Amino acid sequence: MIERDDHGGGDDRVAVLRLAHGPVSAMDLELCQAIGEQFRALADDPARAVVVTGTGRTFSAGADLKRYLHEGAPYVERFLPALSEAFRAVFELSKPVVAAVNGHAIAGGCVLAACADVRLMAEGGGRIGVPEGRVGPPFPRIAIEVLRHAVGDVTARRLMVGALTYSPAEALAMALVDRVLPPEELLPQAVATARAMATEVPSDTFALTKAQLNRDALERTARYADEDAAVTGLWSRRAEDGWTARYLESLTQR
C-alpha cells in the first residue's frame, strides 16, 4: 500500500514513501489510514526528511469514487475523518516533506501533494488539480486550508471554483508546483532537496518555522469544525442523487 525506501543513513537519511495502492493509488479508507499512520510515526523516526511519490504514471487519482458510490453514507462517515487526518499528518510533520509528483495528482491527490513543503513534478502528460466541484462532493476544511497555504487565496479560489486540472507547465506558472523536471530526474532531485532542507537548517529551527507558517491554516481548520456535518451530508447526498455516478460515467466515455 505504501512502500518505504530509505536513502542515505545517519544524519542525512531521507525516507521515500511510494504510494502503491492499486493502479492509480486511489485514496480509500485504508490508504488514508496508512498515510496518517506512516506520517505520524515519522515524527520519531531516524529519517531527517521525507519524500512522498507515486507509482507508474500516477501520484494519486484522489478518492476511490467506485467504492464511495458502492458503500454510500456509512462509508462516508468513516472515510472523511480518515482523509482529513491523512492530510493533517502530512501537513503537520515537523520534518521537511517533498512531494515528487510523478504523474496525475487529481483532487485529493493534488491536496496530498500540496501538504508538502516543496512540490516537484515530472514533465509529460500528468495532470494536477482539484476538479472536486465537478465530481460533486465538497472538500473538508483542511483541504481548502492546505491549498490556500500552498498557493494563496486567489489561486486557491481559482483552482476550486474552476474545478479543472492542469499540465505541469501550467501548474508551475500558478505555483501549484515549485519545479518541473524530466521524469528520470524527479526522484533524485526530490531526495536531494529534502536532504538539503534537513541538513542546511537546524532541525528545531525548521520545525518551529514550519509550525509558525502552518499555524493559521490549522487554526482556521479547527475554527470551522462546524462545517463537518454539512460536508458529510453532501458527500452522502452525492452518493445517492446520481451526480457523482454521472461524472464517473462521463470519464469512461471520453
Protein backbone atom coordinates (compact mmCIF):
# COMPACT_ATOMS: atom_id res chain seq x y z
CA MET A 1 0.00 0.00 0.00
CA ILE A 2 2.86 2.37 0.93
CA GLU A 3 6.40 1.25 0.13
CA ARG A 4 9.32 2.77 2.01
CA ASP A 5 12.88 3.06 0.74
CA ASP A 6 15.45 4.99 2.79
CA HIS A 7 18.17 6.95 1.01
CA GLY A 8 21.38 7.62 2.91
CA GLY A 9 21.98 6.99 6.57
CA GLY A 10 22.78 8.70 9.83
CA ASP A 11 22.10 12.42 9.88
CA ASP A 12 21.13 12.67 6.21
CA ARG A 13 18.66 9.79 5.91
CA VAL A 14 15.66 10.54 3.70
CA ALA A 15 12.60 8.28 3.81
CA VAL A 16 10.97 7.82 0.40
CA LEU A 17 7.34 6.76 0.69
CA ARG A 18 5.79 5.46 -2.51
CA LEU A 19 2.02 5.18 -2.86
CA ALA A 20 1.38 1.75 -4.38
CA HIS A 21 -2.30 1.05 -3.88
CA GLY A 22 -4.00 -0.32 -6.96
CA PRO A 23 -3.44 1.04 -10.46
CA VAL A 24 -3.87 4.75 -9.53
CA SER A 25 -3.37 4.81 -5.74
CA ALA A 26 -6.96 5.91 -5.20
CA MET A 27 -7.45 7.32 -1.71
CA ASP A 28 -9.79 4.89 0.00
CA LEU A 29 -10.27 4.45 3.74
CA GLU A 30 -7.32 2.09 4.14
CA LEU A 31 -4.84 4.20 2.18
CA CYS A 32 -5.83 7.32 4.12
CA GLN A 33 -5.37 5.45 7.39
CA ALA A 34 -1.98 4.17 6.22
CA ILE A 35 -0.82 7.68 5.23
CA GLY A 36 -1.86 9.03 8.61
CA GLU A 37 -0.13 6.24 10.50
CA GLN A 38 3.08 6.47 8.46
CA PHE A 39 3.44 10.22 8.80
CA ARG A 40 2.61 10.29 12.50
CA ALA A 41 5.24 7.61 13.09
CA LEU A 42 7.81 9.65 11.14
CA ALA A 43 7.81 12.28 13.89
CA ASP A 44 10.03 9.99 16.00
CA ASP A 45 11.74 8.19 13.12
CA PRO A 46 15.51 8.42 12.43
CA ALA A 47 14.81 9.81 8.94
CA ARG A 48 15.53 13.54 8.80
CA ALA A 49 13.23 14.26 5.83
CA VAL A 50 10.55 12.61 3.71
CA VAL A 51 9.76 12.30 0.01
CA VAL A 52 6.29 11.12 -0.99
CA THR A 53 5.75 9.90 -4.55
CA GLY A 54 3.55 7.58 -6.58
CA THR A 55 3.80 4.61 -8.90
CA GLY A 56 3.87 4.49 -12.68
CA ARG A 57 2.13 7.45 -14.30
CA THR A 58 0.04 8.43 -11.28
CA PHE A 59 0.80 10.13 -7.98
CA SER A 60 -2.79 9.63 -6.77
CA ALA A 61 -6.09 9.92 -8.59
CA GLY A 62 -7.91 11.07 -5.46
CA ALA A 63 -10.84 9.43 -3.71
CA ASP A 64 -11.93 5.94 -4.73
CA LEU A 65 -15.23 7.00 -6.30
CA LYS A 66 -16.41 3.50 -7.15
CA ARG A 67 -16.13 2.37 -3.55
CA TYR A 68 -17.69 5.59 -2.31
CA LEU A 69 -20.70 5.09 -4.56
CA HIS A 70 -21.00 1.41 -3.72
CA GLU A 71 -20.87 1.80 0.09
CA GLY A 72 -22.58 5.17 0.43
CA ALA A 73 -23.22 7.09 3.65
CA PRO A 74 -21.82 4.52 6.14
CA TYR A 75 -18.51 4.59 4.25
CA VAL A 76 -18.50 8.41 4.06
CA GLU A 77 -18.76 8.67 7.84
CA ARG A 78 -15.56 6.64 8.21
CA PHE A 79 -13.71 7.89 5.15
CA LEU A 80 -13.90 11.66 5.60
CA PRO A 81 -12.28 11.75 9.06
CA ALA A 82 -9.52 9.45 7.77
CA LEU A 83 -8.99 11.67 4.72
CA SER A 84 -8.72 14.79 6.89
CA GLU A 85 -6.33 13.07 9.29
CA ALA A 86 -4.13 11.92 6.41
CA PHE A 87 -3.81 15.48 5.11
CA ARG A 88 -3.17 16.80 8.62
CA ALA A 89 -0.47 14.22 9.37
CA VAL A 90 1.50 15.18 6.25
CA PHE A 91 0.94 18.92 6.70
CA GLU A 92 1.88 18.91 10.39
CA LEU A 93 5.01 16.75 10.23
CA SER A 94 7.82 18.84 11.71
CA LYS A 95 10.38 17.46 9.24
CA PRO A 96 10.88 18.54 5.61
CA VAL A 97 8.42 16.89 3.22
CA VAL A 98 8.90 16.93 -0.55
CA ALA A 99 6.25 15.69 -2.99
CA ALA A 100 7.68 14.06 -6.11
CA VAL A 101 4.61 14.21 -8.33
CA ASN A 102 5.37 11.56 -10.92
CA GLY A 103 2.11 11.86 -12.85
CA HIS A 104 -1.58 12.53 -12.34
CA ALA A 105 -2.43 14.17 -8.99
CA ILE A 106 -6.16 14.68 -9.01
CA ALA A 107 -8.47 16.08 -6.31
CA GLY A 108 -7.28 14.51 -3.05
CA GLY A 109 -4.04 13.56 -4.78
CA CYS A 110 -3.41 17.22 -5.55
CA VAL A 111 -4.19 18.19 -1.94
CA LEU A 112 -1.83 15.49 -0.67
CA ALA A 113 0.95 16.98 -2.79
CA ALA A 114 0.05 20.47 -1.56
CA CYS A 115 0.56 19.27 2.04
CA ALA A 116 4.29 19.01 1.29
CA ASP A 117 6.77 21.83 1.86
CA VAL A 118 8.10 21.55 -1.72
CA ARG A 119 6.39 20.07 -4.77
CA LEU A 120 8.32 18.80 -7.78
CA MET A 121 6.50 17.42 -10.83
CA ALA A 122 7.59 15.33 -13.77
CA GLU A 123 7.35 16.62 -17.31
CA GLY A 124 4.89 14.82 -19.54
CA GLY A 125 1.19 14.12 -19.70
CA GLY A 126 0.41 14.16 -15.99
CA ARG A 127 -2.38 16.47 -14.82
CA ILE A 128 -2.80 18.10 -11.44
CA GLY A 129 -5.74 19.95 -9.95
CA VAL A 130 -8.88 19.81 -7.86
CA PRO A 131 -11.96 19.09 -10.03
CA GLU A 132 -13.90 18.26 -6.86
CA GLY A 133 -16.75 20.61 -7.72
CA ARG A 134 -17.42 18.70 -10.93
CA VAL A 135 -17.27 15.39 -9.07
CA GLY A 136 -19.97 16.70 -6.72
CA PRO A 137 -19.00 16.47 -3.04
CA PRO A 138 -17.12 19.30 -1.28
CA PHE A 139 -13.68 19.15 0.29
CA PRO A 140 -13.30 19.05 4.06
CA ARG A 141 -11.99 22.29 5.54
CA ILE A 142 -8.39 21.14 5.94
CA ALA A 143 -8.10 20.52 2.20
CA ILE A 144 -9.16 24.10 1.49
CA GLU A 145 -6.71 25.47 4.06
CA VAL A 146 -3.84 23.38 2.67
CA LEU A 147 -4.49 24.74 -0.82
CA ARG A 148 -4.71 28.33 0.47
CA HIS A 149 -1.43 27.82 2.29
CA ALA A 150 0.24 26.35 -0.80
CA VAL A 151 -0.79 28.84 -3.47
CA GLY A 152 -2.51 31.77 -1.77
CA ASP A 153 -6.14 32.78 -1.57
CA VAL A 154 -6.63 33.99 -5.14
CA THR A 155 -5.14 30.94 -6.85
CA ALA A 156 -6.81 28.54 -4.41
CA ARG A 157 -10.17 30.10 -5.25
CA ARG A 158 -9.46 29.76 -8.98
CA LEU A 159 -8.42 26.15 -8.54
CA MET A 160 -11.51 25.18 -6.58
CA VAL A 161 -14.13 27.24 -8.39
CA GLY A 162 -12.69 26.42 -11.81
CA ALA A 163 -12.53 22.71 -10.90
CA LEU A 164 -10.03 21.98 -13.69
CA THR A 165 -6.78 20.07 -13.99
CA TYR A 166 -3.53 21.50 -15.34
CA SER A 167 -0.39 20.46 -17.16
CA PRO A 168 2.95 20.56 -15.31
CA ALA A 169 3.88 23.85 -17.03
CA GLU A 170 0.53 25.42 -16.11
CA ALA A 171 0.87 24.19 -12.54
CA LEU A 172 4.33 25.74 -12.33
CA ALA A 173 3.02 29.08 -13.57
CA MET A 174 0.42 29.18 -10.78
CA ALA A 175 2.91 27.98 -8.11
CA LEU A 176 0.99 24.77 -7.57
CA VAL A 177 4.35 23.06 -8.09
CA ASP A 178 7.80 24.52 -7.47
CA ARG A 179 9.77 22.85 -10.26
CA VAL A 180 9.12 20.70 -13.33
CA LEU A 181 11.76 18.10 -14.15
CA PRO A 182 12.42 15.30 -16.61
CA PRO A 183 10.92 12.10 -15.18
CA GLU A 184 14.32 10.48 -14.66
CA GLU A 185 15.49 13.43 -12.56
CA LEU A 186 12.38 13.72 -10.40
CA LEU A 187 13.16 11.35 -7.55
CA PRO A 188 16.91 12.12 -7.28
CA GLN A 189 16.12 15.85 -7.17
CA ALA A 190 13.37 15.30 -4.62
CA VAL A 191 15.71 13.36 -2.36
CA ALA A 192 18.46 15.97 -2.78
CA THR A 193 16.01 18.78 -2.00
CA ALA A 194 14.68 17.02 1.09
CA ARG A 195 18.20 16.26 2.32
CA ALA A 196 19.32 19.87 1.85
CA MET A 197 16.32 21.15 3.78
CA ALA A 198 17.11 18.74 6.61
CA THR A 199 20.84 19.36 6.83
CA GLU A 200 21.27 23.04 5.96
CA VAL A 201 18.86 24.34 8.61
CA PRO A 202 18.87 23.20 12.27
CA SER A 203 16.04 20.72 12.76
CA ASP A 204 14.49 22.59 15.69
CA THR A 205 14.57 25.87 13.77
CA PHE A 206 12.96 24.20 10.76
CA ALA A 207 10.27 22.61 12.95
CA LEU A 208 9.34 25.87 14.65
CA THR A 209 9.38 27.85 11.40
CA LYS A 210 7.13 25.29 9.72
CA ALA A 211 4.74 25.34 12.69
CA GLN A 212 4.62 29.13 12.53
CA LEU A 213 3.91 29.11 8.80
CA ASN A 214 1.20 26.43 9.13
CA ARG A 215 -0.43 27.78 12.27
CA ASP A 216 -3.06 30.00 10.65
CA ALA A 217 -4.24 27.20 8.36
CA LEU A 218 -4.57 24.74 11.25
CA GLU A 219 -6.31 27.27 13.47
CA ARG A 220 -8.84 28.05 10.75
CA THR A 221 -9.44 24.32 10.27
CA ALA A 222 -10.28 23.97 13.96
CA ARG A 223 -12.34 27.16 14.00
CA TYR A 224 -14.62 25.94 11.22
CA ALA A 225 -15.18 22.41 12.51
CA ASP A 226 -18.91 23.17 12.46
CA GLU A 227 -18.76 22.62 8.67
CA ASP A 228 -18.04 18.92 9.09
CA ALA A 229 -21.68 17.85 9.29
CA ALA A 230 -22.58 19.77 6.12
CA VAL A 231 -19.61 18.30 4.24
CA THR A 232 -20.53 14.78 5.33
CA GLY A 233 -24.16 15.37 4.38
CA LEU A 234 -23.29 16.49 0.86
CA TRP A 235 -20.95 13.55 0.32
CA SER A 236 -23.79 11.23 1.33
CA ARG A 237 -26.27 13.08 -0.90
CA ARG A 238 -23.99 12.92 -3.95
CA ALA A 239 -23.69 9.16 -3.46
CA GLU A 240 -27.48 8.90 -3.68
CA ASP A 241 -28.63 11.54 -6.18
CA GLY A 242 -26.64 10.30 -9.17
CA TRP A 243 -24.42 13.37 -9.68
CA THR A 244 -21.13 11.63 -8.90
CA ALA A 245 -22.20 8.47 -10.73
CA ARG A 246 -22.88 10.54 -13.86
CA TYR A 247 -19.49 12.24 -13.53
CA LEU A 248 -17.73 8.90 -13.24
CA GLU A 249 -19.63 7.58 -16.26
CA SER A 250 -18.60 10.64 -18.28
CA LEU A 251 -14.94 9.82 -17.62
CA THR A 252 -15.31 6.32 -19.04
CA GLN A 253 -16.89 7.73 -22.21
CA ARG A 254 -14.00 10.07 -23.03
